[in-house]
Amino acid sequence: MRRGPGGIGAINKQRLAKAKYEQKGSAIADAQISQMSKQLESFKTYLEEFATKHKSDIKKNAEFRGHFQQMCARIGVDPLA
């Protein structure tokens, strides 16, 4: 009479599957982190260009300047650059 899926073979199979899932998950996470880093760098570049282009508007409008500085601080961009 069979008692179910047990034994050393089943346990080893589960461990192997778990290790493969963890490895694949790490690879996906690394790829996502790399992609997000590239996107953040691109965003920083465009934000710096925007700041240069709209420098006079940023200086004139205090509310806009406050929001802009807050956004820059969150992502680590120097708004004065």
PDB file of N, CA and C in Angstrom:
ATOM      1  N   MET A   1       0.842  -1.170   0.000  1.00  0.00           N
ATOM      2  CA  MET A   1       0.000   0.000   0.000  1.00  0.00           C
ATOM      3  C   MET A   1       0.896   1.245   0.000  1.00  0.00           C
ATOM      4  N   ARG A   2       0.580   2.167  -0.864  1.00  0.00           N
ATOM      5  CA  ARG A   2       1.381   3.375  -1.000  1.00  0.00           C
ATOM      6  C   ARG A   2       0.880   4.452  -0.056  1.00  0.00           C
ATOM      7  N   ARG A   3       1.807   5.164   0.597  1.00  0.00           N
ATOM      8  CA  ARG A   3       1.421   6.176   1.582  1.00  0.00           C
ATOM      9  C   ARG A   3       1.501   7.597   1.039  1.00  0.00           C
ATOM     10  N   GLY A   4       2.022   7.814  -0.122  1.00  0.00           N
ATOM     11  CA  GLY A   4       2.071   9.159  -0.679  1.00  0.00           C
ATOM     12  C   GLY A   4       3.433   9.478  -1.241  1.00  0.00           C
ATOM     13  N   PRO A   5       3.547  10.661  -1.775  1.00  0.00           N
ATOM     14  CA  PRO A   5       4.819  11.048  -2.377  1.00  0.00           C
ATOM     15  C   PRO A   5       5.831  11.410  -1.296  1.00  0.00           C
ATOM     16  N   GLY A   6       6.623  10.495  -0.943  1.00  0.00           N
ATOM     17  CA  GLY A   6       7.594  10.747   0.115  1.00  0.00           C
ATOM     18  C   GLY A   6       8.908  10.108  -0.233  1.00  0.00           C
ATOM     19  N   GLY A   7       9.730  10.076   0.706  1.00  0.00           N
ATOM     20  CA  GLY A   7      11.009   9.439   0.505  1.00  0.00           C
ATOM     21  C   GLY A   7      12.097  10.428   0.158  1.00  0.00           C
ATOM     22  N   ILE A   8      13.286   9.908   0.135  1.00  0.00           N
ATOM     23  CA  ILE A   8      14.467  10.730  -0.103  1.00  0.00           C
ATOM     24  C   ILE A   8      14.467  11.310  -1.516  1.00  0.00           C
ATOM     25  N   GLY A   9      14.024  10.538  -2.493  1.00  0.00           N
ATOM     26  CA  GLY A   9      13.989  11.016  -3.876  1.00  0.00           C
ATOM     27  C   GLY A   9      13.091  12.230  -4.035  1.00  0.00           C
ATOM     28  N   ALA A  10      11.916  12.192  -3.407  1.00  0.00           N
ATOM     29  CA  ALA A  10      10.984  13.320  -3.491  1.00  0.00           C
ATOM     30  C   ALA A  10      11.545  14.553  -2.788  1.00  0.00           C
ATOM     31  N   ILE A  11      12.182  14.330  -1.658  1.00  0.00           N
ATOM     32  CA  ILE A  11      12.774  15.446  -0.911  1.00  0.00           C
ATOM     33  C   ILE A  11      13.893  16.093  -1.732  1.00  0.00           C
ATOM     34  N   ASN A  12      14.733  15.267  -2.331  1.00  0.00           N
ATOM     35  CA  ASN A  12      15.815  15.805  -3.165  1.00  0.00           C
ATOM     36  C   ASN A  12      15.266  16.564  -4.369  1.00  0.00           C
ATOM     37  N   LYS A  13      14.195  16.051  -4.949  1.00  0.00           N
ATOM     38  CA  LYS A  13      13.565  16.716  -6.092  1.00  0.00           C
ATOM     39  C   LYS A  13      13.010  18.079  -5.681  1.00  0.00           C
ATOM     40  N   GLN A  14      12.403  18.135  -4.497  1.00  0.00           N
ATOM     41  CA  GLN A  14      11.874  19.411  -3.996  1.00  0.00           C
ATOM     42  C   GLN A  14      13.004  20.408  -3.739  1.00  0.00           C
ATOM     43  N   ARG A  15      14.087  19.951  -3.160  1.00  0.00           N
ATOM     44  CA  ARG A  15      15.235  20.829  -2.900  1.00  0.00           C
ATOM     45  C   ARG A  15      15.817  21.375  -4.206  1.00  0.00           C
ATOM     46  N   LEU A  16      15.933  20.508  -5.195  1.00  0.00           N
ATOM     47  CA  LEU A  16      16.466  20.921  -6.486  1.00  0.00           C
ATOM     48  C   LEU A  16      15.551  21.958  -7.141  1.00  0.00           C
ATOM     49  N   ALA A  17      14.247  21.713  -7.082  1.00  0.00           N
ATOM     50  CA  ALA A  17      13.288  22.662  -7.658  1.00  0.00           C
ATOM     51  C   ALA A  17      13.359  24.003  -6.934  1.00  0.00           C
ATOM     52  N   LYS A  18      13.453  23.954  -5.611  1.00  0.00           N
ATOM     53  CA  LYS A  18      13.540  25.190  -4.828  1.00  0.00           C
ATOM     54  C   LYS A  18      14.803  25.965  -5.186  1.00  0.00           C
ATOM     55  N   ALA A  19      15.914  25.274  -5.325  1.00  0.00           N
ATOM     56  CA  ALA A  19      17.174  25.929  -5.679  1.00  0.00           C
ATOM     57  C   ALA A  19      17.088  26.568  -7.065  1.00  0.00           C
ATOM     58  N   LYS A  20      16.449  25.882  -8.010  1.00  0.00           N
ATOM     59  CA  LYS A  20      16.296  26.437  -9.358  1.00  0.00           C
ATOM     60  C   LYS A  20      15.416  27.680  -9.339  1.00  0.00           C
ATOM     61  N   TYR A  21      14.324  27.649  -8.568  1.00  0.00           N
ATOM     62  CA  TYR A  21      13.444  28.817  -8.464  1.00  0.00           C
ATOM     63  C   TYR A  21      14.173  29.998  -7.828  1.00  0.00           C
ATOM     64  N   GLU A  22      14.957  29.727  -6.793  1.00  0.00           N
ATOM     65  CA  GLU A  22      15.716  30.799  -6.146  1.00  0.00           C
ATOM     66  C   GLU A  22      16.745  31.396  -7.104  1.00  0.00           C
ATOM     67  N   GLN A  23      17.401  30.554  -7.873  1.00  0.00           N
ATOM     68  CA  GLN A  23      18.397  31.026  -8.832  1.00  0.00           C
ATOM     69  C   GLN A  23      17.731  31.875  -9.913  1.00  0.00           C
ATOM     70  N   LYS A  24      16.612  31.408 -10.425  1.00  0.00           N
ATOM     71  CA  LYS A  24      15.893  32.161 -11.457  1.00  0.00           C
ATOM     72  C   LYS A  24      15.366  33.475 -10.885  1.00  0.00           C
ATOM     73  N   GLY A  25      14.859  33.441  -9.664  1.00  0.00           N
ATOM     74  CA  GLY A  25      14.368  34.654  -9.012  1.00  0.00           C
ATOM     75  C   GLY A  25      15.472  35.679  -8.827  1.00  0.00           C
ATOM     76  N   SER A  26      16.653  35.227  -8.451  1.00  0.00           N
ATOM     77  CA  SER A  26      17.796  36.135  -8.293  1.00  0.00           C
ATOM     78  C   SER A  26      18.196  36.749  -9.626  1.00  0.00           C
ATOM     79  N   ALA A  27      18.172  35.951 -10.678  1.00  0.00           N
ATOM     80  CA  ALA A  27      18.522  36.464 -12.007  1.00  0.00           C
ATOM     81  C   ALA A  27      17.521  37.520 -12.461  1.00  0.00           C
ATOM     82  N   ILE A  28      16.247  37.271 -12.227  1.00  0.00           N
ATOM     83  CA  ILE A  28      15.208  38.236 -12.602  1.00  0.00           C
ATOM     84  C   ILE A  28      15.360  39.514 -11.787  1.00  0.00           C
ATOM     85  N   ALA A  29      15.599  39.377 -10.494  1.00  0.00           N
ATOM     86  CA  ALA A  29      15.764  40.554  -9.629  1.00  0.00           C
ATOM     87  C   ALA A  29      16.978  41.380 -10.062  1.00  0.00           C
ATOM     88  N   ASP A  30      18.076  40.726 -10.394  1.00  0.00           N
ATOM     89  CA  ASP A  30      19.271  41.442 -10.860  1.00  0.00           C
ATOM     90  C   ASP A  30      18.988  42.203 -12.149  1.00  0.00           C
ATOM     91  N   ALA A  31      18.260  41.571 -13.060  1.00  0.00           N
ATOM     92  CA  ALA A  31      17.919  42.229 -14.325  1.00  0.00           C
ATOM     93  C   ALA A  31      17.024  43.440 -14.081  1.00  0.00           C
ATOM     94  N   GLN A  32      16.070  43.304 -13.167  1.00  0.00           N
ATOM     95  CA  GLN A  32      15.173  44.416 -12.868  1.00  0.00           C
ATOM     96  C   GLN A  32      15.928  45.570 -12.211  1.00  0.00           C
ATOM     97  N   ILE A  33      16.828  45.260 -11.310  1.00  0.00           N
ATOM     98  CA  ILE A  33      17.618  46.306 -10.647  1.00  0.00           C
ATOM     99  C   ILE A  33      18.481  47.036 -11.671  1.00  0.00           C
ATOM    100  N   SER A  34      19.086  46.294 -12.570  1.00  0.00           N
ATOM    101  CA  SER A  34      19.908  46.902 -13.613  1.00  0.00           C
ATOM    102  C   SER A  34      19.073  47.825 -14.498  1.00  0.00           C
ATOM    103  N   GLN A  35      17.902  47.361 -14.891  1.00  0.00           N
ATOM    104  CA  GLN A  35      17.020  48.164 -15.739  1.00  0.00           C
ATOM    105  C   GLN A  35      16.554  49.425 -15.011  1.00  0.00           C
ATOM    106  N   MET A  36      16.202  49.291 -13.750  1.00  0.00           N
ATOM    107  CA  MET A  36      15.754  50.454 -12.979  1.00  0.00           C
ATOM    108  C   MET A  36      16.891  51.462 -12.804  1.00  0.00           C
ATOM    109  N   SER A  37      18.099  50.986 -12.618  1.00  0.00           N
ATOM    110  CA  SER A  37      19.250  51.885 -12.496  1.00  0.00           C
ATOM    111  C   SER A  37      19.460  52.676 -13.781  1.00  0.00           C
ATOM    112  N   LYS A  38      19.329  52.000 -14.920  1.00  0.00           N
ATOM    113  CA  LYS A  38      19.462  52.680 -16.208  1.00  0.00           C
ATOM    114  C   LYS A  38      18.371  53.737 -16.376  1.00  0.00           C
ATOM    115  N   GLN A  39      17.142  53.387 -16.002  1.00  0.00           N
ATOM    116  CA  GLN A  39      16.034  54.330 -16.127  1.00  0.00           C
ATOM    117  C   GLN A  39      16.235  55.535 -15.216  1.00  0.00           C
ATOM    118  N   LEU A  40      16.719  55.301 -14.009  1.00  0.00           N
ATOM    119  CA  LEU A  40      16.951  56.401 -13.078  1.00  0.00           C
ATOM    120  C   LEU A  40      18.042  57.333 -13.600  1.00  0.00           C
ATOM    121  N   GLU A  41      19.101  56.776 -14.145  1.00  0.00           N
ATOM    122  CA  GLU A  41      20.165  57.602 -14.718  1.00  0.00           C
ATOM    123  C   GLU A  41      19.639  58.436 -15.883  1.00  0.00           C
ATOM    124  N   SER A  42      18.820  57.816 -16.710  1.00  0.00           N
ATOM    125  CA  SER A  42      18.226  58.539 -17.838  1.00  0.00           C
ATOM    126  C   SER A  42      17.328  59.666 -17.336  1.00  0.00           C
ATOM    127  N   PHE A  43      16.529  59.370 -16.325  1.00  0.00           N
ATOM    128  CA  PHE A  43      15.635  60.379 -15.759  1.00  0.00           C
ATOM    129  C   PHE A  43      16.430  61.538 -15.165  1.00  0.00           C
ATOM    130  N   LYS A  44      17.514  61.220 -14.464  1.00  0.00           N
ATOM    131  CA  LYS A  44      18.361  62.267 -13.881  1.00  0.00           C
ATOM    132  C   LYS A  44      18.921  63.175 -14.974  1.00  0.00           C
ATOM    133  N   THR A  45      19.362  62.572 -16.061  1.00  0.00           N
ATOM    134  CA  THR A  45      19.913  63.353 -17.170  1.00  0.00           C
ATOM    135  C   THR A  45      18.867  64.305 -17.734  1.00  0.00           C
ATOM    136  N   TYR A  46      17.668  63.786 -17.989  1.00  0.00           N
ATOM    137  CA  TYR A  46      16.603  64.628 -18.538  1.00  0.00           C
ATOM    138  C   TYR A  46      16.161  65.692 -17.540  1.00  0.00           C
ATOM    139  N   LEU A  47      16.180  65.352 -16.273  1.00  0.00           N
ATOM    140  CA  LEU A  47      15.798  66.324 -15.249  1.00  0.00           C
ATOM    141  C   LEU A  47      16.813  67.465 -15.179  1.00  0.00           C
ATOM    142  N   GLU A  48      18.075  67.134 -15.294  1.00  0.00           N
ATOM    143  CA  GLU A  48      19.110  68.171 -15.309  1.00  0.00           C
ATOM    144  C   GLU A  48      18.968  69.066 -16.543  1.00  0.00           C
ATOM    145  N   GLU A  49      18.643  68.463 -17.684  1.00  0.00           N
ATOM    146  CA  GLU A  49      18.410  69.251 -18.898  1.00  0.00           C
ATOM    147  C   GLU A  49      17.196  70.163 -18.723  1.00  0.00           C
ATOM    148  N   PHE A  50      16.152  69.634 -18.099  1.00  0.00           N
ATOM    149  CA  PHE A  50      14.944  70.418 -17.843  1.00  0.00           C
ATOM    150  C   PHE A  50      15.271  71.604 -16.940  1.00  0.00           C
ATOM    151  N   ALA A  51      16.063  71.352 -15.910  1.00  0.00           N
ATOM    152  CA  ALA A  51      16.430  72.418 -14.974  1.00  0.00           C
ATOM    153  C   ALA A  51      17.212  73.516 -15.681  1.00  0.00           C
ATOM    154  N   THR A  52      18.089  73.131 -16.569  1.00  0.00           N
ATOM    155  CA  THR A  52      18.865  74.119 -17.315  1.00  0.00           C
ATOM    156  C   THR A  52      17.970  74.915 -18.261  1.00  0.00           C
ATOM    157  N   LYS A  53      17.081  74.212 -18.930  1.00  0.00           N
ATOM    158  CA  LYS A  53      16.202  74.839 -19.915  1.00  0.00           C
ATOM    159  C   LYS A  53      15.199  75.795 -19.270  1.00  0.00           C
ATOM    160  N   HIS A  54      14.682  75.438 -18.099  1.00  0.00           N
ATOM    161  CA  HIS A  54      13.623  76.210 -17.440  1.00  0.00           C
ATOM    162  C   HIS A  54      14.127  76.919 -16.184  1.00  0.00           C
ATOM    163  N   LYS A  55      15.381  77.281 -16.188  1.00  0.00           N
ATOM    164  CA  LYS A  55      16.009  77.895 -15.021  1.00  0.00           C
ATOM    165  C   LYS A  55      15.279  79.163 -14.580  1.00  0.00           C
ATOM    166  N   SER A  56      14.904  79.999 -15.525  1.00  0.00           N
ATOM    167  CA  SER A  56      14.238  81.261 -15.167  1.00  0.00           C
ATOM    168  C   SER A  56      12.862  81.009 -14.555  1.00  0.00           C
ATOM    169  N   ASP A  57      12.108  80.043 -15.094  1.00  0.00           N
ATOM    170  CA  ASP A  57      10.794  79.712 -14.530  1.00  0.00           C
ATOM    171  C   ASP A  57      10.928  79.157 -13.113  1.00  0.00           C
ATOM    172  N   ILE A  58      11.952  78.359 -12.902  1.00  0.00           N
ATOM    173  CA  ILE A  58      12.177  77.779 -11.575  1.00  0.00           C
ATOM    174  C   ILE A  58      12.502  78.883 -10.573  1.00  0.00           C
ATOM    175  N   LYS A  59      13.278  79.861 -11.000  1.00  0.00           N
ATOM    176  CA  LYS A  59      13.628  80.969 -10.101  1.00  0.00           C
ATOM    177  C   LYS A  59      12.435  81.870  -9.806  1.00  0.00           C
ATOM    178  N   LYS A  60      11.580  82.096 -10.803  1.00  0.00           N
ATOM    179  CA  LYS A  60      10.453  83.024 -10.653  1.00  0.00           C
ATOM    180  C   LYS A  60       9.326  82.468  -9.786  1.00  0.00           C
ATOM    181  N   ASN A  61       8.983  81.215  -9.970  1.00  0.00           N
ATOM    182  CA  ASN A  61       7.812  80.629  -9.325  1.00  0.00           C
ATOM    183  C   ASN A  61       8.236  79.845  -8.079  1.00  0.00           C
ATOM    184  N   ALA A  62       7.920  80.385  -6.908  1.00  0.00           N
ATOM    185  CA  ALA A  62       8.348  79.765  -5.641  1.00  0.00           C
ATOM    186  C   ALA A  62       7.708  78.394  -5.423  1.00  0.00           C
ATOM    187  N   GLU A  63       6.433  78.271  -5.759  1.00  0.00           N
ATOM    188  CA  GLU A  63       5.747  76.986  -5.558  1.00  0.00           C
ATOM    189  C   GLU A  63       6.347  75.912  -6.472  1.00  0.00           C
ATOM    190  N   PHE A  64       6.536  76.267  -7.726  1.00  0.00           N
ATOM    191  CA  PHE A  64       7.152  75.347  -8.683  1.00  0.00           C
ATOM    192  C   PHE A  64       8.562  74.971  -8.238  1.00  0.00           C
ATOM    193  N   ARG A  65       9.320  75.957  -7.778  1.00  0.00           N
ATOM    194  CA  ARG A  65      10.687  75.726  -7.308  1.00  0.00           C
ATOM    195  C   ARG A  65      10.699  74.755  -6.127  1.00  0.00           C
ATOM    196  N   GLY A  66       9.758  74.925  -5.208  1.00  0.00           N
ATOM    197  CA  GLY A  66       9.684  74.032  -4.051  1.00  0.00           C
ATOM    198  C   GLY A  66       9.414  72.594  -4.449  1.00  0.00           C
ATOM    199  N   HIS A  67       8.449  72.407  -5.352  1.00  0.00           N
ATOM    200  CA  HIS A  67       8.138  71.052  -5.824  1.00  0.00           C
ATOM    201  C   HIS A  67       9.317  70.454  -6.591  1.00  0.00           C
ATOM    202  N   PHE A  68       9.942  71.282  -7.392  1.00  0.00           N
ATOM    203  CA  PHE A  68      11.078  70.812  -8.184  1.00  0.00           C
ATOM    204  C   PHE A  68      12.239  70.392  -7.277  1.00  0.00           C
ATOM    205  N   GLN A  69      12.535  71.203  -6.274  1.00  0.00           N
ATOM    206  CA  GLN A  69      13.628  70.876  -5.350  1.00  0.00           C
ATOM    207  C   GLN A  69      13.318  69.614  -4.552  1.00  0.00           C
ATOM    208  N   GLN A  70      12.070  69.463  -4.162  1.00  0.00           N
ATOM    209  CA  GLN A  70      11.671  68.268  -3.411  1.00  0.00           C
ATOM    210  C   GLN A  70      11.856  67.017  -4.271  1.00  0.00           C
ATOM    211  N   MET A  71      11.439  67.100  -5.531  1.00  0.00           N
ATOM    212  CA  MET A  71      11.584  65.964  -6.433  1.00  0.00           C
ATOM    213  C   MET A  71      13.065  65.648  -6.659  1.00  0.00           C
ATOM    214  N   CYS A  72      13.863  66.678  -6.845  1.00  0.00           N
ATOM    215  CA  CYS A  72      15.301  66.470  -7.060  1.00  0.00           C
ATOM    216  C   CYS A  72      15.958  65.817  -5.844  1.00  0.00           C
ATOM    217  N   ALA A  73      15.569  66.245  -4.668  1.00  0.00           N
ATOM    218  CA  ALA A  73      16.148  65.695  -3.438  1.00  0.00           C
ATOM    219  C   ALA A  73      15.827  64.212  -3.293  1.00  0.00           C
ATOM    220  N   ARG A  74      14.636  63.815  -3.694  1.00  0.00           N
ATOM    221  CA  ARG A  74      14.234  62.410  -3.558  1.00  0.00           C
ATOM    222  C   ARG A  74      15.059  61.474  -4.422  1.00  0.00           C
ATOM    223  N   ILE A  75      15.489  61.952  -5.579  1.00  0.00           N
ATOM    224  CA  ILE A  75      16.233  61.060  -6.475  1.00  0.00           C
ATOM    225  C   ILE A  75      17.720  61.368  -6.529  1.00  0.00           C
ATOM    226  N   GLY A  76      18.152  62.365  -5.760  1.00  0.00           N
ATOM    227  CA  GLY A  76      19.579  62.640  -5.657  1.00  0.00           C
ATOM    228  C   GLY A  76      20.159  63.493  -6.771  1.00  0.00           C
ATOM    229  N   VAL A  77      19.351  64.392  -7.325  1.00  0.00           N
ATOM    230  CA  VAL A  77      19.833  65.300  -8.368  1.00  0.00           C
ATOM    231  C   VAL A  77      20.049  66.668  -7.750  1.00  0.00           C
ATOM    232  N   ASP A  78      21.148  67.302  -8.091  1.00  0.00           N
ATOM    233  CA  ASP A  78      21.427  68.645  -7.603  1.00  0.00           C
ATOM    234  C   ASP A  78      20.674  69.644  -8.480  1.00  0.00           C
ATOM    235  N   PRO A  79      19.661  70.323  -7.940  1.00  0.00           N
ATOM    236  CA  PRO A  79      18.866  71.236  -8.764  1.00  0.00           C
ATOM    237  C   PRO A  79      19.631  72.485  -9.187  1.00  0.00           C
ATOM    238  N   LEU A  80      20.745  72.763  -8.564  1.00  0.00           N
ATOM    239  CA  LEU A  80      21.524  73.950  -8.903  1.00  0.00           C
ATOM    240  C   LEU A  80      22.563  73.680  -9.986  1.00  0.00           C
ATOM    241  N   ALA A  81      22.726  72.425 -10.337  1.00  0.00           N
ATOM    242  CA  ALA A  81      23.752  72.061 -11.331  1.00  0.00           C
ATOM    243  C   ALA A  81      23.380  72.521 -12.720  1.00  0.00           C
TER     244      ALA A  81
END
